[in-house]
N, C-alpha and C. Protein backbone atom coordinates (compact mmCIF):
# COMPACT_ATOMS: atom_id res chain seq x y z
N MET A 1 -84.01 46.02 -3.74
CA MET A 1 -85.43 46.22 -3.48
C MET A 1 -85.61 47.45 -2.60
N GLU A 2 -86.71 48.11 -2.80
CA GLU A 2 -87.00 49.36 -2.09
C GLU A 2 -88.44 49.30 -1.59
N ARG A 3 -88.65 49.95 -0.47
CA ARG A 3 -90.02 50.06 0.07
C ARG A 3 -90.51 51.48 -0.06
N THR A 4 -91.83 51.60 -0.19
CA THR A 4 -92.47 52.91 -0.21
C THR A 4 -93.78 52.83 0.55
N PHE A 5 -94.28 54.00 0.93
CA PHE A 5 -95.55 54.11 1.64
C PHE A 5 -96.60 54.68 0.68
N VAL A 6 -97.78 54.09 0.73
CA VAL A 6 -98.91 54.55 -0.08
C VAL A 6 -100.14 54.63 0.81
N MET A 7 -100.91 55.69 0.62
CA MET A 7 -102.19 55.81 1.32
C MET A 7 -103.28 56.04 0.28
N LEU A 8 -104.30 55.21 0.32
CA LEU A 8 -105.47 55.44 -0.51
C LEU A 8 -106.39 56.36 0.27
N LYS A 9 -106.67 57.49 -0.30
CA LYS A 9 -107.37 58.57 0.39
C LYS A 9 -108.88 58.31 0.49
N PRO A 10 -109.59 59.15 1.26
CA PRO A 10 -111.03 58.95 1.43
C PRO A 10 -111.82 58.83 0.13
N ASP A 11 -111.42 59.55 -0.92
CA ASP A 11 -112.17 59.45 -2.17
C ASP A 11 -112.02 58.08 -2.81
N ALA A 12 -110.87 57.43 -2.64
CA ALA A 12 -110.69 56.06 -3.15
C ALA A 12 -111.62 55.09 -2.42
N VAL A 13 -111.73 55.27 -1.11
CA VAL A 13 -112.60 54.41 -0.30
C VAL A 13 -114.06 54.64 -0.70
N GLU A 14 -114.46 55.90 -0.82
CA GLU A 14 -115.84 56.23 -1.17
C GLU A 14 -116.23 55.75 -2.57
N LYS A 15 -115.28 55.74 -3.49
CA LYS A 15 -115.55 55.31 -4.87
C LYS A 15 -115.47 53.79 -5.05
N HIS A 16 -115.11 53.09 -3.99
CA HIS A 16 -115.01 51.62 -4.03
C HIS A 16 -114.00 51.16 -5.08
N ILE A 17 -112.83 51.81 -5.09
CA ILE A 17 -111.80 51.45 -6.07
C ILE A 17 -110.51 50.95 -5.41
N ILE A 18 -110.60 50.59 -4.15
CA ILE A 18 -109.42 50.11 -3.43
C ILE A 18 -108.79 48.93 -4.17
N GLY A 19 -109.58 47.94 -4.50
CA GLY A 19 -109.07 46.75 -5.18
C GLY A 19 -108.46 47.07 -6.53
N GLU A 20 -109.09 47.95 -7.29
CA GLU A 20 -108.58 48.36 -8.60
C GLU A 20 -107.20 49.01 -8.46
N VAL A 21 -107.07 49.90 -7.50
CA VAL A 21 -105.78 50.58 -7.31
C VAL A 21 -104.70 49.60 -6.87
N ILE A 22 -105.03 48.74 -5.92
CA ILE A 22 -104.06 47.74 -5.47
C ILE A 22 -103.66 46.83 -6.62
N SER A 23 -104.61 46.42 -7.45
CA SER A 23 -104.29 45.58 -8.62
C SER A 23 -103.31 46.28 -9.55
N ARG A 24 -103.52 47.56 -9.79
CA ARG A 24 -102.61 48.31 -10.66
C ARG A 24 -101.20 48.34 -10.08
N LEU A 25 -101.11 48.51 -8.76
CA LEU A 25 -99.80 48.54 -8.10
C LEU A 25 -99.12 47.17 -8.17
N GLU A 26 -99.87 46.12 -7.91
CA GLU A 26 -99.31 44.77 -7.98
C GLU A 26 -98.95 44.39 -9.41
N ASP A 27 -99.73 44.83 -10.37
CA ASP A 27 -99.44 44.54 -11.78
C ASP A 27 -98.11 45.16 -12.24
N LYS A 28 -97.65 46.16 -11.51
CA LYS A 28 -96.35 46.79 -11.82
C LYS A 28 -95.20 46.09 -11.10
N GLY A 29 -95.49 44.96 -10.47
CA GLY A 29 -94.44 44.19 -9.82
C GLY A 29 -94.19 44.54 -8.37
N LEU A 30 -95.06 45.33 -7.79
CA LEU A 30 -94.91 45.71 -6.38
C LEU A 30 -95.61 44.70 -5.48
N ARG A 31 -94.98 44.42 -4.36
CA ARG A 31 -95.52 43.47 -3.39
C ARG A 31 -96.04 44.23 -2.18
N VAL A 32 -97.20 43.84 -1.68
CA VAL A 32 -97.77 44.45 -0.47
C VAL A 32 -97.13 43.79 0.74
N ASP A 33 -96.34 44.56 1.49
CA ASP A 33 -95.70 44.07 2.71
C ASP A 33 -96.51 44.39 3.96
N ALA A 34 -97.42 45.34 3.84
CA ALA A 34 -98.30 45.71 4.96
C ALA A 34 -99.50 46.46 4.38
N ILE A 35 -100.65 46.26 5.03
CA ILE A 35 -101.86 46.96 4.59
C ILE A 35 -102.83 47.04 5.76
N LYS A 36 -103.46 48.20 5.92
CA LYS A 36 -104.51 48.32 6.94
C LYS A 36 -105.39 49.52 6.63
N MET A 37 -106.63 49.40 7.06
CA MET A 37 -107.57 50.50 6.97
C MET A 37 -107.60 51.17 8.33
N THR A 38 -107.57 52.49 8.31
CA THR A 38 -107.57 53.24 9.56
C THR A 38 -108.28 54.57 9.32
N ARG A 39 -108.61 55.23 10.39
CA ARG A 39 -109.23 56.55 10.28
C ARG A 39 -108.26 57.56 10.89
N LEU A 40 -107.88 58.55 10.11
CA LEU A 40 -106.96 59.58 10.60
C LEU A 40 -107.69 60.54 11.52
N ASP A 41 -106.96 61.05 12.49
CA ASP A 41 -107.49 62.13 13.31
C ASP A 41 -106.68 63.39 13.03
N GLU A 42 -107.08 64.50 13.62
CA GLU A 42 -106.42 65.78 13.33
C GLU A 42 -104.94 65.73 13.71
N LYS A 43 -104.62 65.09 14.81
CA LYS A 43 -103.22 65.00 15.25
C LYS A 43 -102.36 64.30 14.19
N MET A 44 -102.85 63.18 13.68
CA MET A 44 -102.10 62.44 12.67
C MET A 44 -101.98 63.26 11.38
N CYS A 45 -103.05 63.96 11.00
CA CYS A 45 -102.99 64.80 9.80
C CYS A 45 -101.96 65.92 9.97
N ARG A 46 -101.94 66.52 11.14
CA ARG A 46 -100.96 67.59 11.40
C ARG A 46 -99.53 67.06 11.28
N GLU A 47 -99.32 65.84 11.74
CA GLU A 47 -97.99 65.24 11.64
C GLU A 47 -97.66 64.89 10.19
N HIS A 48 -98.58 64.20 9.53
CA HIS A 48 -98.33 63.74 8.17
C HIS A 48 -98.23 64.89 7.17
N TYR A 49 -99.03 65.91 7.37
CA TYR A 49 -99.04 67.05 6.45
C TYR A 49 -98.44 68.29 7.10
N ALA A 50 -97.43 68.10 7.93
CA ALA A 50 -96.79 69.21 8.65
C ALA A 50 -96.30 70.30 7.69
N HIS A 51 -95.88 69.92 6.51
CA HIS A 51 -95.38 70.88 5.51
C HIS A 51 -96.49 71.78 4.96
N HIS A 52 -97.76 71.46 5.26
CA HIS A 52 -98.88 72.27 4.80
C HIS A 52 -99.56 73.07 5.92
N VAL A 53 -99.16 72.83 7.17
CA VAL A 53 -99.76 73.55 8.30
C VAL A 53 -99.57 75.06 8.07
N GLY A 54 -100.64 75.81 8.27
CA GLY A 54 -100.58 77.25 8.09
C GLY A 54 -100.99 77.72 6.71
N LYS A 55 -101.10 76.80 5.76
CA LYS A 55 -101.54 77.18 4.41
C LYS A 55 -103.06 77.28 4.39
N PRO A 56 -103.61 78.12 3.52
CA PRO A 56 -105.05 78.36 3.52
C PRO A 56 -105.91 77.10 3.34
N PHE A 57 -105.41 76.12 2.65
CA PHE A 57 -106.20 74.92 2.36
C PHE A 57 -106.07 73.84 3.44
N PHE A 58 -105.25 74.09 4.47
CA PHE A 58 -104.96 73.03 5.44
C PHE A 58 -106.21 72.54 6.17
N GLY A 59 -107.08 73.43 6.60
CA GLY A 59 -108.30 73.02 7.31
C GLY A 59 -109.17 72.10 6.47
N GLY A 60 -109.34 72.44 5.21
CA GLY A 60 -110.12 71.59 4.30
C GLY A 60 -109.45 70.25 4.06
N LEU A 61 -108.12 70.24 3.99
CA LEU A 61 -107.38 69.00 3.83
C LEU A 61 -107.60 68.07 5.02
N VAL A 62 -107.53 68.62 6.21
CA VAL A 62 -107.75 67.82 7.42
C VAL A 62 -109.18 67.26 7.43
N ARG A 63 -110.16 68.10 7.14
CA ARG A 63 -111.56 67.62 7.11
C ARG A 63 -111.72 66.50 6.10
N PHE A 64 -111.14 66.66 4.92
CA PHE A 64 -111.22 65.64 3.88
C PHE A 64 -110.55 64.35 4.33
N MET A 65 -109.33 64.44 4.84
CA MET A 65 -108.57 63.24 5.20
C MET A 65 -109.17 62.50 6.40
N CYS A 66 -109.93 63.21 7.23
CA CYS A 66 -110.56 62.59 8.40
C CYS A 66 -112.01 62.18 8.12
N SER A 67 -112.50 62.41 6.90
CA SER A 67 -113.91 62.21 6.60
C SER A 67 -114.32 60.74 6.53
N THR A 68 -113.46 59.88 6.05
CA THR A 68 -113.73 58.44 5.98
C THR A 68 -112.41 57.72 6.23
N PRO A 69 -112.46 56.42 6.40
CA PRO A 69 -111.19 55.69 6.57
C PRO A 69 -110.30 55.82 5.34
N VAL A 70 -109.03 55.55 5.55
CA VAL A 70 -108.03 55.49 4.48
C VAL A 70 -107.40 54.11 4.53
N VAL A 71 -106.72 53.74 3.46
CA VAL A 71 -106.02 52.46 3.41
C VAL A 71 -104.53 52.76 3.29
N CYS A 72 -103.77 52.30 4.27
CA CYS A 72 -102.32 52.51 4.29
C CYS A 72 -101.62 51.23 3.88
N MET A 73 -100.55 51.39 3.09
CA MET A 73 -99.82 50.23 2.60
C MET A 73 -98.32 50.49 2.58
N VAL A 74 -97.58 49.41 2.75
CA VAL A 74 -96.15 49.41 2.47
C VAL A 74 -95.97 48.51 1.26
N LEU A 75 -95.36 49.06 0.22
CA LEU A 75 -95.12 48.30 -1.01
C LEU A 75 -93.63 48.13 -1.20
N GLU A 76 -93.25 47.00 -1.76
CA GLU A 76 -91.84 46.72 -2.00
C GLU A 76 -91.63 46.30 -3.44
N GLY A 77 -90.54 46.74 -4.02
CA GLY A 77 -90.19 46.35 -5.38
C GLY A 77 -89.00 47.13 -5.88
N GLN A 78 -88.56 46.81 -7.08
CA GLN A 78 -87.47 47.55 -7.71
C GLN A 78 -87.91 48.99 -7.93
N ASN A 79 -87.15 49.95 -7.41
CA ASN A 79 -87.46 51.38 -7.57
C ASN A 79 -88.90 51.69 -7.20
N ALA A 80 -89.36 51.15 -6.08
CA ALA A 80 -90.76 51.26 -5.67
C ALA A 80 -91.27 52.69 -5.61
N VAL A 81 -90.48 53.61 -5.08
CA VAL A 81 -90.92 55.01 -4.97
C VAL A 81 -91.22 55.56 -6.36
N GLU A 82 -90.29 55.40 -7.27
CA GLU A 82 -90.45 55.92 -8.62
C GLU A 82 -91.60 55.24 -9.36
N VAL A 83 -91.71 53.94 -9.22
CA VAL A 83 -92.77 53.19 -9.90
C VAL A 83 -94.14 53.68 -9.45
N VAL A 84 -94.32 53.82 -8.14
CA VAL A 84 -95.62 54.26 -7.61
C VAL A 84 -95.93 55.69 -8.03
N ARG A 85 -94.95 56.56 -7.95
CA ARG A 85 -95.21 57.97 -8.30
C ARG A 85 -95.55 58.12 -9.78
N LYS A 86 -94.89 57.35 -10.62
CA LYS A 86 -95.19 57.40 -12.06
C LYS A 86 -96.60 56.86 -12.31
N LEU A 87 -96.95 55.77 -11.67
CA LEU A 87 -98.28 55.18 -11.83
C LEU A 87 -99.37 56.09 -11.25
N ALA A 88 -99.06 56.79 -10.15
CA ALA A 88 -100.03 57.70 -9.53
C ALA A 88 -100.32 58.89 -10.44
N GLY A 89 -99.29 59.44 -11.07
CA GLY A 89 -99.46 60.63 -11.91
C GLY A 89 -99.31 61.90 -11.11
N PRO A 90 -99.38 63.06 -11.77
CA PRO A 90 -99.23 64.36 -11.09
C PRO A 90 -100.27 64.55 -9.98
N THR A 91 -99.90 65.32 -8.98
CA THR A 91 -100.77 65.58 -7.83
C THR A 91 -102.13 66.13 -8.25
N ASP A 92 -102.14 67.05 -9.19
CA ASP A 92 -103.40 67.62 -9.67
C ASP A 92 -104.03 66.65 -10.67
N SER A 93 -105.08 66.01 -10.26
CA SER A 93 -105.74 65.01 -11.10
C SER A 93 -106.17 65.57 -12.45
N LYS A 94 -106.47 66.87 -12.51
CA LYS A 94 -106.89 67.48 -13.78
C LYS A 94 -105.74 67.53 -14.78
N LYS A 95 -104.51 67.45 -14.29
CA LYS A 95 -103.33 67.48 -15.15
C LYS A 95 -102.73 66.08 -15.36
N ALA A 96 -103.30 65.09 -14.68
CA ALA A 96 -102.77 63.73 -14.76
C ALA A 96 -103.28 63.04 -16.02
N PRO A 97 -102.39 62.41 -16.76
CA PRO A 97 -102.83 61.73 -17.99
C PRO A 97 -103.67 60.49 -17.70
N LYS A 98 -104.53 60.17 -18.65
CA LYS A 98 -105.31 58.92 -18.56
C LYS A 98 -104.31 57.77 -18.49
N GLY A 99 -104.69 56.74 -17.77
CA GLY A 99 -103.80 55.60 -17.57
C GLY A 99 -103.07 55.67 -16.25
N THR A 100 -103.02 56.87 -15.64
CA THR A 100 -102.48 56.99 -14.29
C THR A 100 -103.64 56.87 -13.30
N ILE A 101 -103.33 56.57 -12.07
CA ILE A 101 -104.38 56.42 -11.06
C ILE A 101 -105.13 57.73 -10.87
N ARG A 102 -104.41 58.83 -10.74
CA ARG A 102 -105.07 60.13 -10.55
C ARG A 102 -105.80 60.58 -11.81
N GLY A 103 -105.25 60.30 -12.97
CA GLY A 103 -105.89 60.68 -14.22
C GLY A 103 -107.18 59.92 -14.46
N ASP A 104 -107.23 58.67 -14.01
CA ASP A 104 -108.42 57.85 -14.23
C ASP A 104 -109.48 58.01 -13.14
N PHE A 105 -109.05 58.31 -11.91
CA PHE A 105 -110.01 58.29 -10.79
C PHE A 105 -110.10 59.58 -9.98
N GLY A 106 -109.09 60.45 -10.05
CA GLY A 106 -109.08 61.66 -9.24
C GLY A 106 -109.93 62.76 -9.83
N THR A 107 -110.22 63.77 -9.02
CA THR A 107 -111.02 64.90 -9.50
C THR A 107 -110.28 66.23 -9.41
N ASP A 108 -109.33 66.37 -8.47
CA ASP A 108 -108.61 67.63 -8.31
C ASP A 108 -107.32 67.40 -7.51
N VAL A 109 -106.77 68.45 -6.95
CA VAL A 109 -105.51 68.34 -6.20
C VAL A 109 -105.71 67.59 -4.89
N GLN A 110 -106.83 67.78 -4.24
CA GLN A 110 -107.09 67.15 -2.94
C GLN A 110 -107.67 65.74 -3.10
N ALA A 111 -108.73 65.63 -3.85
CA ALA A 111 -109.38 64.33 -4.08
C ALA A 111 -108.67 63.65 -5.25
N ASN A 112 -107.43 63.20 -4.98
CA ASN A 112 -106.61 62.62 -6.04
C ASN A 112 -106.28 61.15 -5.78
N VAL A 113 -107.06 60.51 -4.93
CA VAL A 113 -107.10 59.06 -4.71
C VAL A 113 -105.93 58.50 -3.91
N ILE A 114 -104.71 58.99 -4.14
CA ILE A 114 -103.54 58.30 -3.60
C ILE A 114 -102.47 59.27 -3.11
N HIS A 115 -101.90 58.92 -1.96
CA HIS A 115 -100.68 59.59 -1.49
C HIS A 115 -99.55 58.61 -1.69
N ALA A 116 -98.43 59.08 -2.21
CA ALA A 116 -97.26 58.23 -2.41
C ALA A 116 -96.02 58.96 -1.92
N SER A 117 -95.20 58.29 -1.16
CA SER A 117 -93.96 58.89 -0.67
C SER A 117 -93.14 59.44 -1.83
N ASP A 118 -92.48 60.57 -1.58
CA ASP A 118 -91.71 61.20 -2.66
C ASP A 118 -90.24 60.80 -2.70
N SER A 119 -89.79 60.01 -1.73
CA SER A 119 -88.40 59.54 -1.70
C SER A 119 -88.32 58.33 -0.77
N ALA A 120 -87.23 57.60 -0.87
CA ALA A 120 -87.03 56.46 0.02
C ALA A 120 -86.92 56.92 1.47
N GLU A 121 -86.32 58.08 1.67
CA GLU A 121 -86.17 58.62 3.03
C GLU A 121 -87.53 58.98 3.62
N THR A 122 -88.36 59.64 2.83
CA THR A 122 -89.70 59.99 3.28
C THR A 122 -90.52 58.73 3.53
N ALA A 123 -90.37 57.75 2.66
CA ALA A 123 -91.10 56.48 2.81
C ALA A 123 -90.78 55.84 4.15
N GLU A 124 -89.52 55.83 4.53
CA GLU A 124 -89.12 55.23 5.80
C GLU A 124 -89.80 55.93 6.98
N ILE A 125 -89.85 57.25 6.93
CA ILE A 125 -90.50 58.03 7.99
C ILE A 125 -92.00 57.74 8.02
N GLU A 126 -92.63 57.73 6.85
CA GLU A 126 -94.08 57.52 6.77
C GLU A 126 -94.45 56.09 7.17
N ILE A 127 -93.64 55.12 6.79
CA ILE A 127 -93.91 53.74 7.19
C ILE A 127 -93.90 53.63 8.71
N LYS A 128 -92.92 54.23 9.35
CA LYS A 128 -92.82 54.20 10.82
C LYS A 128 -93.98 54.96 11.47
N ARG A 129 -94.48 55.98 10.78
CA ARG A 129 -95.60 56.77 11.32
C ARG A 129 -96.88 55.95 11.36
N PHE A 130 -97.11 55.11 10.36
CA PHE A 130 -98.38 54.42 10.23
C PHE A 130 -98.35 52.93 10.59
N PHE A 131 -97.16 52.35 10.70
CA PHE A 131 -97.07 50.92 10.99
C PHE A 131 -96.07 50.63 12.11
N LYS A 132 -96.44 49.69 12.96
CA LYS A 132 -95.50 49.16 13.93
C LYS A 132 -94.60 48.18 13.18
N GLN A 133 -93.41 47.96 13.72
CA GLN A 133 -92.44 47.09 13.06
C GLN A 133 -93.00 45.71 12.78
N ASN A 134 -93.79 45.18 13.73
CA ASN A 134 -94.32 43.80 13.57
C ASN A 134 -95.52 43.74 12.62
N GLU A 135 -95.93 44.87 12.05
CA GLU A 135 -97.03 44.89 11.09
C GLU A 135 -96.55 44.87 9.64
N VAL A 136 -95.24 45.00 9.46
CA VAL A 136 -94.64 45.01 8.12
C VAL A 136 -93.92 43.68 7.91
N PHE A 137 -94.29 42.99 6.85
CA PHE A 137 -93.77 41.63 6.63
C PHE A 137 -92.76 41.59 5.49
N ASN A 138 -91.84 40.67 5.62
CA ASN A 138 -90.83 40.43 4.60
C ASN A 138 -90.92 38.95 4.25
N TYR A 139 -91.38 38.67 3.06
CA TYR A 139 -91.59 37.27 2.69
C TYR A 139 -91.12 37.02 1.27
């Protein structure tokens, strides 16, 4: 079993599709080990998106990610990272096929509904960034 980190972005919250996205993830055999709604601040965005600091779109990304609450989750399942990334679809929603989360609900590269860890190693870092140890359950 593997764990991964998923964040439903502000556009998912604004579109009222949180339940739909979670259902799609659970329907793929993933279990929710942790979930919470939170509001990101600039400091957290700088940490989470450190690889984008200094890029021309970074300011807009921070404004977008801080605009409304987000939903953070830890999911567990067989090949969880790969399963979630396949279900999410390509980062650019315009290139994501129908049937993927981004293809069905996203509008572009930024407003693409979902962030998903790109590896088990990244997932571990992101889980620790957003959750305390006692907030993640194993059942």
